[in-house]
Protein backbone atom coordinates (compact mmCIF):
# COMPACT_ATOMS: atom_id res chain seq x y z
CA MET A 1 -124.72 -56.67 -16.59
CA ILE A 2 -125.86 -56.16 -19.57
CA GLN A 3 -124.90 -57.98 -22.68
CA THR A 4 -123.86 -56.26 -26.14
CA PRO A 5 -126.16 -56.59 -28.73
CA GLN A 6 -128.97 -55.36 -25.64
CA LYS A 7 -126.86 -52.28 -25.19
CA ALA A 8 -126.75 -52.23 -29.33
CA SER A 9 -130.03 -52.73 -29.29
CA LEU A 10 -130.55 -49.93 -25.97
CA VAL A 11 -128.32 -47.11 -27.71
CA LEU A 12 -130.28 -48.04 -30.81
CA TRP A 13 -133.69 -47.42 -29.52
CA MET A 14 -132.52 -43.96 -27.79
CA LEU A 15 -130.45 -42.46 -30.63
CA THR A 16 -134.09 -43.19 -33.14
CA LEU A 17 -136.23 -41.86 -30.27
CA LEU A 18 -133.29 -38.84 -30.23
CA SER A 19 -133.79 -37.87 -34.15
CA SER A 20 -137.40 -38.10 -33.96
CA SER A 21 -138.22 -36.10 -32.04
CA VAL A 22 -135.08 -34.31 -33.46
CA LEU A 23 -136.34 -33.95 -36.92
CA ALA A 24 -140.61 -33.99 -35.09
CA LYS A 25 -141.65 -30.54 -37.28
CA PRO A 26 -144.26 -28.33 -35.07
CA LEU A 27 -147.86 -28.02 -35.90
CA SER A 28 -147.93 -25.04 -38.32
CA LEU A 29 -150.21 -22.90 -38.22
CA ASP A 30 -152.29 -23.43 -41.42
CA ASP A 31 -151.73 -27.20 -40.39
CA TYR A 32 -153.47 -26.33 -38.17
CA LEU A 33 -156.56 -24.54 -39.69
CA THR A 34 -156.86 -27.30 -41.71
CA GLN A 35 -157.57 -30.08 -39.18
CA VAL A 36 -159.83 -26.92 -37.48
CA LYS A 37 -162.02 -27.09 -41.32
CA LYS A 38 -161.77 -30.81 -41.48
CA GLY A 39 -162.84 -32.31 -37.31
CA ASN A 40 -165.37 -29.05 -36.58
CA ASP A 41 -168.90 -29.81 -37.45
CA GLY A 42 -169.52 -25.84 -37.10
CA VAL A 43 -166.80 -25.13 -39.17
CA GLN A 44 -167.92 -27.35 -41.78
CA ALA A 45 -171.54 -26.46 -41.81
CA LEU A 46 -170.27 -22.42 -42.25
CA ILE A 47 -168.11 -24.03 -45.71
CA GLU A 48 -171.24 -26.04 -46.94
CA SER A 49 -173.51 -22.84 -46.39
CA SER A 50 -171.07 -20.63 -48.05
CA LYS A 51 -171.11 -23.02 -50.39
CA ALA A 52 -174.84 -23.49 -51.10
CA ILE A 53 -175.63 -19.68 -51.37
CA LEU A 54 -172.56 -19.41 -53.69
CA ALA A 55 -174.36 -22.23 -55.63
CA ARG A 56 -177.82 -19.94 -55.81
CA GLN A 57 -176.33 -16.40 -56.02
CA ASP A 58 -178.10 -16.54 -59.31
CA GLU A 59 -181.57 -17.63 -58.11
CA ALA A 60 -183.88 -14.38 -58.78
CA ARG A 61 -183.57 -14.37 -61.86
CA LEU A 62 -185.61 -16.68 -61.67
CA LEU A 63 -188.53 -14.29 -61.15
CA VAL A 64 -187.69 -12.96 -64.30
CA GLY A 65 -186.78 -15.85 -66.08
CA PRO A 66 -188.93 -17.94 -69.22
CA ASN A 67 -191.51 -20.37 -68.37
CA PHE A 68 -192.39 -23.70 -70.28
CA PHE A 69 -196.89 -24.62 -69.47
CA THR A 70 -199.50 -26.84 -70.08
CA ASN A 71 -202.58 -27.74 -69.76
CA ILE A 72 -204.68 -30.07 -70.04
CA SER A 73 -208.72 -30.09 -69.41
CA PHE A 74 -211.76 -32.26 -69.80
CA TYR A 75 -215.37 -29.33 -69.83
CA SER A 76 -218.89 -31.47 -69.76
CA ASP A 77 -221.84 -29.14 -69.30
CA ALA A 78 -225.35 -30.83 -68.98
CA LYS A 79 -227.09 -28.09 -67.79
CA PRO A 80 -230.95 -27.05 -69.25
CA THR A 81 -230.60 -24.98 -72.55
CA ALA A 82 -232.85 -22.54 -74.18
CA ALA A 83 -232.96 -24.10 -77.04
CA PRO A 84 -231.99 -27.65 -76.99
CA ILE A 85 -232.99 -28.34 -80.37
CA PHE A 86 -229.88 -25.29 -81.84
CA MET A 87 -227.61 -25.78 -78.50
CA GLY A 88 -228.20 -29.60 -77.57
CA THR A 89 -228.51 -30.52 -74.00
CA ARG A 90 -225.13 -31.60 -73.58
CA THR A 91 -221.19 -29.67 -75.01
CA LEU A 92 -218.44 -32.13 -74.30
CA ALA A 93 -214.67 -30.44 -74.88
CA ASP A 94 -210.96 -31.86 -74.35
CA THR A 95 -208.91 -28.65 -74.56
CA TYR A 96 -204.76 -29.14 -74.65
CA ASN A 97 -202.36 -26.09 -74.27
CA PHE A 98 -198.38 -25.53 -74.21
CA GLY A 99 -196.00 -22.62 -74.44
CA PHE A 100 -194.24 -19.89 -72.75
CA ALA A 101 -195.33 -17.23 -70.43
CA GLN A 102 -192.49 -14.23 -68.93
CA GLN A 103 -192.42 -11.68 -66.78
CA THR A 104 -189.84 -8.66 -67.25
CA GLN A 105 -188.51 -6.15 -65.17
CA PHE A 106 -190.56 -3.53 -66.93
CA GLY A 107 -193.28 -4.32 -65.75
CA LEU A 108 -195.08 -6.28 -69.31
CA ALA A 109 -195.86 -9.97 -68.33
CA GLY A 110 -196.64 -11.95 -71.49
CA LYS A 111 -197.79 -15.10 -72.87
CA LEU A 112 -197.39 -16.95 -76.23
CA TYR A 113 -198.80 -20.28 -76.16
CA TYR A 114 -200.99 -22.81 -78.44
CA GLN A 115 -204.18 -24.52 -78.02
CA TRP A 116 -205.48 -27.24 -79.22
CA THR A 117 -209.42 -28.13 -79.17
CA TYR A 118 -212.10 -30.49 -79.55
CA THR A 119 -216.11 -30.30 -79.23
CA ARG A 120 -219.14 -32.18 -78.93
CA ILE A 121 -222.21 -30.92 -78.93
CA GLU A 122 -224.48 -33.28 -77.76
CA GLY A 123 -228.47 -33.48 -77.93
CA THR A 124 -228.83 -31.14 -81.20
CA GLN A 125 -231.43 -31.70 -84.39
CA PRO A 126 -229.83 -33.58 -87.43
CA GLY A 127 -229.00 -30.77 -89.85
CA ILE A 128 -229.60 -28.02 -87.67
CA LEU A 129 -226.09 -27.26 -86.65
CA SER A 130 -223.24 -28.34 -89.95
CA LEU A 131 -220.22 -29.01 -86.81
CA PRO A 132 -221.32 -30.68 -83.77
CA ASN A 133 -218.30 -32.14 -83.22
CA PHE A 134 -215.53 -29.63 -84.48
CA TYR A 135 -211.57 -29.16 -83.93
CA GLU A 136 -210.54 -25.38 -83.26
CA ALA A 137 -207.09 -24.47 -82.69
CA LYS A 138 -205.36 -21.08 -82.21
CA PRO A 139 -201.64 -19.88 -81.75
CA VAL A 140 -202.87 -17.01 -78.80
CA LEU A 141 -200.21 -13.66 -77.33
CA GLU A 142 -201.67 -12.76 -74.83
CA LEU A 143 -199.55 -8.80 -73.61
CA SER A 144 -200.50 -6.69 -70.51
CA GLN A 145 -198.21 -3.84 -69.31
CA SER A 146 -198.44 -2.27 -65.46
CA LEU A 147 -199.04 1.58 -65.51
CA TRP A 148 -199.84 2.44 -61.78
CA LYS A 149 -199.63 -0.83 -59.76
CA ASN A 150 -195.80 -1.76 -60.22
CA GLY A 151 -195.10 0.82 -62.81
CA PHE A 152 -193.49 -0.36 -65.36
CA GLY A 153 -192.17 -3.05 -63.01
CA SER A 154 -191.05 -1.57 -60.08
CA GLU A 155 -192.90 -3.98 -58.01
CA THR A 156 -190.91 -7.01 -59.88
CA ARG A 157 -187.33 -4.99 -60.24
CA SER A 158 -188.07 -4.96 -55.64
CA ASN A 159 -188.45 -8.83 -55.72
CA LEU A 160 -185.20 -8.65 -57.12
CA GLN A 161 -183.67 -6.57 -54.81
CA ILE A 162 -184.73 -8.93 -51.92
CA ALA A 163 -184.01 -12.07 -52.94
CA GLU A 164 -180.56 -10.62 -54.39
CA SER A 165 -179.58 -8.60 -51.34
CA GLY A 166 -180.71 -11.42 -49.63
CA THR A 167 -179.00 -14.65 -51.23
CA LYS A 168 -175.64 -11.39 -50.68
CA ALA A 169 -176.70 -10.25 -46.90
CA GLN A 170 -177.13 -14.41 -46.27
CA GLY A 171 -173.98 -15.34 -47.96
CA PHE A 172 -171.53 -12.74 -46.91
CA ALA A 173 -173.26 -13.20 -43.10
CA ASP A 174 -171.97 -16.99 -43.34
CA SER A 175 -167.56 -16.36 -44.63
CA PHE A 176 -167.97 -13.96 -41.97
CA LYS A 177 -168.61 -16.48 -39.50
CA LEU A 178 -166.52 -18.72 -41.10
CA LYS A 179 -163.29 -16.45 -41.14
CA ALA A 180 -164.52 -14.94 -37.26
CA ALA A 181 -164.93 -19.18 -36.81
CA LEU A 182 -160.86 -19.78 -37.92
CA ALA A 183 -159.55 -16.35 -36.21
CA GLU A 184 -161.02 -18.11 -32.64
CA ALA A 185 -158.39 -20.94 -34.08
CA GLU A 186 -155.68 -19.00 -34.22
CA GLY A 187 -156.55 -17.26 -31.81
CA THR A 188 -156.02 -20.49 -29.32
CA TYR A 189 -153.35 -21.67 -31.58
CA TRP A 190 -151.33 -19.23 -30.14
CA ARG A 191 -152.60 -19.06 -26.96
CA LEU A 192 -151.41 -22.85 -27.00
CA ALA A 193 -147.94 -22.32 -28.12
CA ILE A 194 -147.33 -18.26 -25.41
CA SER A 195 -149.26 -20.92 -22.22
CA ARG A 196 -145.96 -23.39 -23.35
CA GLN A 197 -143.80 -21.33 -22.89
CA VAL A 198 -145.23 -19.83 -19.98
CA VAL A 199 -144.75 -22.92 -18.33
CA LYS A 200 -141.42 -23.66 -19.38
CA VAL A 201 -140.23 -19.62 -18.25
CA GLN A 202 -141.94 -20.78 -14.85
CA LYS A 203 -139.77 -24.11 -14.59
CA GLU A 204 -136.70 -22.38 -14.88
CA SER A 205 -137.79 -19.49 -12.06
CA LEU A 206 -138.70 -22.01 -10.42
CA ASP A 207 -136.01 -24.18 -10.35
CA ARG A 208 -133.58 -21.66 -9.33
CA ALA A 209 -135.61 -20.48 -7.09
CA GLU A 210 -135.28 -23.96 -5.51
CA ARG A 211 -131.07 -23.75 -6.57
CA LEU A 212 -131.36 -20.90 -4.27
CA ARG A 213 -133.46 -22.37 -1.58
CA ASP A 214 -131.20 -25.19 -1.27
CA TRP A 215 -127.78 -23.19 -1.37
CA ASN A 216 -129.66 -21.36 1.04
CA ARG A 217 -130.52 -23.77 2.90
CA LYS A 218 -126.37 -25.35 2.98
CA ARG A 219 -125.08 -22.20 4.04
CA VAL A 220 -127.14 -21.92 7.81
CA ARG A 221 -126.15 -25.45 7.84
CA ASN A 222 -122.52 -24.49 7.77
CA GLY A 223 -123.46 -21.71 9.63
CA LEU A 224 -122.19 -19.14 6.68
CA GLY A 225 -125.90 -18.18 6.68
CA ASP A 226 -128.82 -16.09 8.62
CA ARG A 227 -132.05 -18.38 9.30
CA SER A 228 -134.29 -15.49 8.25
CA ASP A 229 -132.33 -15.83 4.04
CA GLU A 230 -133.49 -18.90 3.89
CA LEU A 231 -137.47 -18.48 5.12
CA GLN A 232 -136.82 -15.53 2.77
CA ALA A 233 -135.91 -18.98 0.00
CA GLU A 234 -138.52 -20.93 1.38
CA ALA A 235 -141.09 -18.06 0.69
CA ASN A 236 -140.43 -17.22 -2.89
CA LEU A 237 -139.97 -21.42 -3.68
CA GLN A 238 -143.62 -21.45 -2.34
CA VAL A 239 -145.16 -18.49 -4.61
CA ARG A 240 -142.57 -20.08 -8.09
CA THR A 241 -144.42 -23.28 -7.14
CA LEU A 242 -147.65 -21.37 -7.46
CA GLU A 243 -146.72 -19.88 -10.76
CA TYR A 244 -145.53 -22.83 -12.21
CA GLN A 245 -149.24 -24.67 -10.91
CA THR A 246 -151.21 -21.86 -12.37
CA ALA A 247 -149.60 -21.96 -15.57
CA LEU A 248 -149.65 -25.38 -15.72
CA ASN A 249 -153.26 -25.43 -15.27
CA GLU A 250 -153.48 -22.63 -18.06
CA VAL A 251 -151.82 -25.07 -20.97
CA ARG A 252 -154.37 -27.98 -20.19
CA SER A 253 -157.24 -25.53 -20.40
CA ALA A 254 -155.23 -23.97 -23.45
CA GLY A 255 -154.79 -27.32 -25.12
CA LEU A 256 -158.81 -28.56 -24.39
CA ALA A 257 -159.75 -25.50 -26.10
CA PHE A 258 -157.04 -26.13 -29.06
CA ASN A 259 -158.10 -29.71 -29.47
CA GLY A 260 -162.10 -28.90 -29.50
CA LEU A 261 -161.89 -26.87 -31.79
CA ARG A 262 -160.41 -29.83 -34.31
CA GLY A 263 -162.89 -31.78 -32.99
CA ILE A 264 -161.06 -34.02 -30.64
CA GLN A 265 -162.59 -34.50 -27.30
CA LYS A 266 -159.00 -34.47 -24.61
CA GLU A 267 -157.04 -31.48 -22.83
CA THR A 268 -153.33 -33.35 -23.72
CA VAL A 269 -151.71 -32.24 -27.06
CA GLU A 270 -149.02 -34.08 -28.24
CA ASP A 271 -148.24 -31.66 -31.45
CA GLU A 272 -145.32 -29.73 -31.35
CA MET A 273 -146.10 -25.81 -31.34
CA PRO A 274 -143.61 -23.23 -32.88
CA LEU A 275 -141.21 -21.39 -30.04
CA ILE A 276 -143.22 -17.97 -30.33
CA ASP A 277 -139.48 -15.72 -30.68
CA LYS A 278 -138.07 -11.93 -31.51
CA SER A 279 -138.55 -13.21 -35.27
CA THR A 280 -142.17 -14.37 -35.26
CA THR A 281 -143.54 -11.07 -34.02
CA GLU A 282 -140.68 -9.23 -35.44
CA LYS A 283 -142.49 -9.86 -38.96
CA LEU A 284 -145.43 -9.43 -38.57
CA LYS A 285 -147.52 -8.00 -40.92
CA PRO A 286 -151.55 -7.10 -40.83
CA LYS A 287 -153.03 -7.55 -44.45
CA THR A 288 -153.63 -4.81 -46.54
CA LYS A 289 -157.73 -3.51 -45.32
CA THR A 290 -158.91 -4.05 -49.37
CA GLY A 291 -162.38 -3.19 -48.45
CA MET A 292 -165.68 -3.32 -46.55
CA ARG A 293 -165.85 -6.17 -44.12
CA LEU A 294 -168.26 -9.01 -44.43
CA ASP A 295 -170.67 -8.63 -41.69
CA VAL A 296 -170.20 -5.08 -42.43
CA ARG A 297 -171.38 -6.21 -46.43
CA ALA A 298 -174.00 -7.37 -45.30
CA ALA A 299 -175.38 -4.87 -43.56
CA GLN A 300 -174.90 -3.23 -46.67
CA GLU A 301 -177.46 -6.15 -48.36
CA LEU A 302 -179.59 -6.30 -45.80
CA ALA A 303 -180.18 -2.00 -45.87
CA LYS A 304 -180.91 -2.56 -49.61
CA VAL A 305 -183.30 -5.05 -48.64
CA ALA A 306 -184.96 -3.00 -46.20
CA GLU A 307 -185.70 -0.84 -49.36
CA ALA A 308 -186.34 -3.48 -51.78
CA ASN A 309 -189.00 -3.72 -48.93
CA ALA A 310 -190.66 -0.58 -48.16
CA GLN A 311 -191.36 -0.29 -52.34
CA LEU A 312 -193.31 -3.71 -52.27
CA GLY A 313 -195.34 -2.32 -49.37
CA LYS A 314 -196.05 1.35 -51.30
CA GLU A 315 -196.78 -1.43 -54.37
CA ARG A 316 -199.21 -3.34 -52.72
CA ASN A 317 -201.79 -1.05 -51.24
CA SER A 318 -200.88 0.84 -54.59
CA PRO A 319 -203.79 1.33 -57.17
CA THR A 320 -203.82 -1.25 -60.37
CA LEU A 321 -204.00 -0.20 -63.27
CA ASP A 322 -202.73 -2.73 -66.15
CA LEU A 323 -202.96 -2.20 -70.22
CA PHE A 324 -203.91 -5.46 -71.38
CA GLY A 325 -204.39 -7.33 -74.92
CA THR A 326 -204.42 -10.41 -76.68
CA LEU A 327 -204.29 -11.22 -80.23
CA ALA A 328 -205.36 -15.06 -82.07
CA THR A 329 -205.37 -16.48 -85.27
CA ASN A 330 -208.17 -19.27 -85.89
CA GLY A 331 -208.80 -22.48 -86.66
CA ARG A 332 -212.51 -24.06 -86.35
CA THR A 333 -213.23 -27.34 -88.70
CA ASP A 334 -214.38 -31.00 -88.13
CA GLN A 335 -210.71 -32.43 -89.63
CA TRP A 336 -208.33 -32.17 -87.02
CA ASN A 337 -205.30 -30.73 -89.26
CA SER A 338 -206.94 -28.22 -91.36
CA ALA A 339 -207.50 -26.48 -88.04
CA ILE A 340 -204.67 -26.26 -87.43
CA SER A 341 -203.28 -25.75 -91.13
CA ASP A 342 -206.24 -22.49 -90.43
CA SER A 343 -204.85 -21.68 -86.96
CA LEU A 344 -201.18 -21.00 -88.96
CA LYS A 345 -202.82 -18.32 -91.26
CA THR A 346 -203.93 -14.73 -90.60
CA ARG A 347 -207.87 -15.22 -92.12
CA TYR A 348 -209.05 -15.62 -88.85
CA PRO A 349 -208.12 -12.66 -86.15
CA THR A 350 -209.07 -12.44 -82.82
CA PHE A 351 -208.02 -9.32 -80.11
CA THR A 352 -208.96 -8.34 -77.57
CA VAL A 353 -207.53 -4.22 -75.94
CA GLY A 354 -208.54 -3.47 -72.65
CA LEU A 355 -207.58 -1.72 -69.29
CA LYS A 356 -208.19 -2.85 -65.52
CA PHE A 357 -208.50 -0.38 -62.11
CA GLN A 358 -208.45 -1.43 -58.87
CA THR A 359 -207.63 0.54 -55.35
CA SER A 360 -208.24 -0.05 -52.67
CA LEU A 361 -210.83 2.18 -50.47
CA ASP A 362 -209.40 2.73 -46.85
CA LEU A 363 -206.74 5.12 -48.33
CA GLY A 364 -205.89 6.53 -44.08
CA GLN A 365 -204.28 3.06 -43.77
CA VAL A 366 -202.42 3.79 -46.99
CA LEU A 367 -200.95 6.13 -46.26
CA GLU A 368 -199.84 5.55 -42.50
CA ASP A 369 -198.57 1.54 -43.82
CA GLN A 370 -196.43 3.74 -46.68
CA ARG A 371 -194.45 5.82 -43.39
CA ALA A 372 -194.19 2.73 -41.51
CA TYR A 373 -192.01 1.61 -44.24
CA SER A 374 -190.48 4.38 -45.14
CA ALA A 375 -188.90 4.61 -41.22
CA GLU A 376 -187.93 0.74 -41.51
CA LYS A 377 -185.98 1.97 -44.95
CA LYS A 378 -184.79 4.39 -42.83
CA ALA A 379 -184.02 2.56 -39.86
CA ALA A 380 -182.09 0.09 -41.31
CA GLU A 381 -179.84 2.60 -43.69
CA LEU A 382 -178.96 4.21 -40.57
CA THR A 383 -178.34 0.83 -39.18
CA TYR A 384 -175.55 -0.09 -42.15
CA ARG A 385 -174.12 3.29 -42.38
CA ARG A 386 -173.45 3.12 -38.10
CA LYS A 387 -171.96 0.37 -38.64
CA ALA A 388 -169.65 1.08 -41.09
CA PHE A 389 -168.29 3.95 -39.33
CA GLU A 390 -168.47 1.19 -36.31
CA GLU A 391 -165.77 -0.35 -39.05
CA GLU A 392 -163.94 2.00 -39.98
CA ARG A 393 -163.37 3.12 -36.24
CA ASP A 394 -162.84 -0.02 -35.08
CA TYR A 395 -160.15 -0.89 -37.73
CA GLU A 396 -157.63 2.55 -37.17
CA ASP A 397 -157.96 2.18 -33.42
CA LEU A 398 -156.51 -2.12 -33.93
CA LYS A 399 -154.06 -0.24 -35.91
CA LYS A 400 -152.67 2.01 -34.04
CA LYS A 401 -152.66 -0.91 -30.98
CA PHE A 402 -151.01 -3.19 -33.32
CA GLU A 403 -148.13 -0.50 -33.89
CA GLU A 404 -147.85 0.80 -29.93
CA THR A 405 -147.72 -2.96 -28.92
CA LYS A 406 -144.68 -3.78 -31.86
CA GLU A 407 -143.40 -0.80 -30.00
CA ARG A 408 -144.16 -1.69 -26.21
CA LEU A 409 -142.33 -5.39 -27.28
CA ARG A 410 -139.37 -3.86 -28.77
CA LEU A 411 -139.28 -2.39 -24.80
CA CYS A 412 -139.79 -6.46 -23.99
CA PHE A 413 -136.83 -7.22 -25.16
CA GLY A 414 -134.15 -4.78 -23.81
CA ILE A 415 -135.53 -4.66 -20.24
CA GLU A 416 -135.76 -8.51 -20.93
CA GLU A 417 -131.70 -8.34 -22.41
CA VAL A 418 -131.03 -5.90 -19.22
CA GLN A 419 -132.62 -8.14 -16.76
CA GLU A 420 -130.92 -11.53 -17.10
CA LYS A 421 -127.78 -9.77 -17.35
CA LYS A 422 -128.36 -8.21 -13.40
CA LEU A 423 -129.45 -11.73 -12.72
CA ALA A 424 -126.59 -13.43 -13.22
CA ARG A 425 -123.56 -10.22 -12.59
CA GLU A 426 -126.25 -10.46 -9.15
CA LYS A 427 -125.85 -13.56 -8.87
CA GLU A 428 -121.49 -13.51 -9.55
CA ARG A 429 -121.55 -11.27 -6.72
CA LEU A 430 -123.90 -13.82 -4.30
CA LYS A 431 -121.00 -16.10 -4.66
CA LEU A 432 -118.21 -14.17 -4.05
CA GLY A 433 -120.40 -12.80 -0.22
CA ARG A 434 -120.98 -8.73 -2.01
CA SER A 435 -125.44 -9.58 -2.54
CA VAL A 436 -127.22 -10.85 0.08
CA THR A 437 -129.96 -14.07 -1.07
CA TYR A 438 -132.84 -10.92 -1.03
CA GLN A 439 -131.32 -8.44 -3.24
CA VAL A 440 -130.97 -12.03 -6.05
CA ILE A 441 -134.24 -13.65 -5.04
CA MET A 442 -135.50 -10.15 -6.28
CA PHE A 443 -133.87 -9.58 -9.65
CA GLU A 444 -135.22 -13.15 -10.10
CA GLN A 445 -138.19 -12.05 -10.25
CA ASP A 446 -137.50 -9.41 -12.04
CA PHE A 447 -135.93 -11.27 -15.22
CA ALA A 448 -138.93 -14.04 -15.18
CA SER A 449 -141.46 -10.01 -15.12
CA ALA A 450 -139.89 -9.49 -18.50
CA GLU A 451 -139.96 -12.50 -19.84
CA LEU A 452 -143.50 -13.61 -19.32
CA LEU A 453 -144.49 -9.66 -19.43
CA ARG A 454 -142.90 -10.41 -23.41
CA LEU A 455 -144.81 -13.25 -23.27
CA LYS A 456 -148.47 -11.31 -22.87
CA THR A 457 -147.36 -8.71 -24.90
CA GLN A 458 -146.63 -11.02 -27.74
CA GLY A 459 -149.88 -12.51 -27.59
CA GLU A 460 -151.77 -9.39 -27.65
CA LEU A 461 -149.74 -8.59 -30.93
CA LEU A 462 -150.80 -12.48 -32.05
CA GLY A 463 -154.14 -10.94 -31.01
CA LEU A 464 -154.27 -7.98 -32.59
CA VAL A 465 -152.68 -9.13 -35.99
CA THR A 466 -156.06 -12.00 -36.22
CA GLN A 467 -158.43 -9.30 -35.52
CA LEU A 468 -157.47 -6.49 -38.75
CA ASN A 469 -156.83 -10.18 -40.65
CA LEU A 470 -161.20 -9.97 -40.18
CA PHE A 471 -161.14 -6.95 -42.48
CA GLY A 472 -161.14 -5.80 -45.94
CA GLU A 473 -162.68 -8.89 -48.45
CA ASP A 474 -159.57 -10.65 -48.55
CA SER A 475 -159.36 -11.18 -45.07
């Protein structure tokens, strides 16, 4: 016999167990998606990739941004000269320069730098050269404007477009993959919730079938029923057992997928799942489409990349015609400080102005390449237009299916309610001897089918909402 302290401990344990089961809150969708983001390596990779793309979205600006450069060189020339008395037998020069360079979007390239050189001429006759060793300093401005190839920056702008649109396309594609992965997780979440309810329905159906079989068996033993009724009830029980086992297999499969998406390698899900009832689906409302779907935006940016590549290809094979100019002020003395001081004045200027031209002689190949690049541009544009068309069509189709499924679900709830009442009434009639076992079995099957149809329709509706939420920029 259990002692009083033991009884008290047992009661306390049962109350604790009961309270924990009552207070246990179902795992919400948001909490599950948070677990997926933390435990799924694939999802984490997409999150990190999206962050990386966002961090370098302005990387293309480096193509036209200012650059700092510096050069150091040491020159030695000991080749024979025509007049060693005047030209020496060896020339040494140490050169240092530093400055800034920039390529603009309108085709102008510029450099502004300061150059300092120390030159020594060895082997000359003393007194012949006034400055055998001297310092030379000069600030230099170099400009070059493209007039044909990269005419007024068309090639530069194409490179910018390729870099910017390529980065955006990758960002949109990764973001869409992330949303699709989370949508898959959302679908798996609802799949497990509904499959558990299906198990409950099938278990109740199995229990009803077992009670009906026992009741008919008892009637047969008492000589109040026919053996065929018992066999019919037994066959119904076997069918319900098979359906229940199938439902358990689906829960196992759904649990494996559910855990796998959050990085857990096991079939059993210990979390409580929410009840999918009438209120759950009645308040469902997908997000409003506010723009193009992210994968379509990626296709749009890839079309821009193809257009820029086509322009770049044309520019690459175009003739080169550049206008260039150089301006420098100079200082040259045997004292380095005097050379620097003179270089900051306009007393000894030098300047150069000129044109550069270059073109390919294989004009046939140039024209063929230009046609090919134009075809690539058109293909990318058509791909984008088709994807945009399919997106709009799919969105309208999903919206229509959502409304139709919601209406079907309303009918399913009505059918389920009627079938439940019909089954209860027929059971009463059977007890009163005003019905037959077969009729009760049929009504029980009708009610179970109505429940399962309602759950299936709820699953379809939840899946449609998940798909619709992929549309739009904020989806």
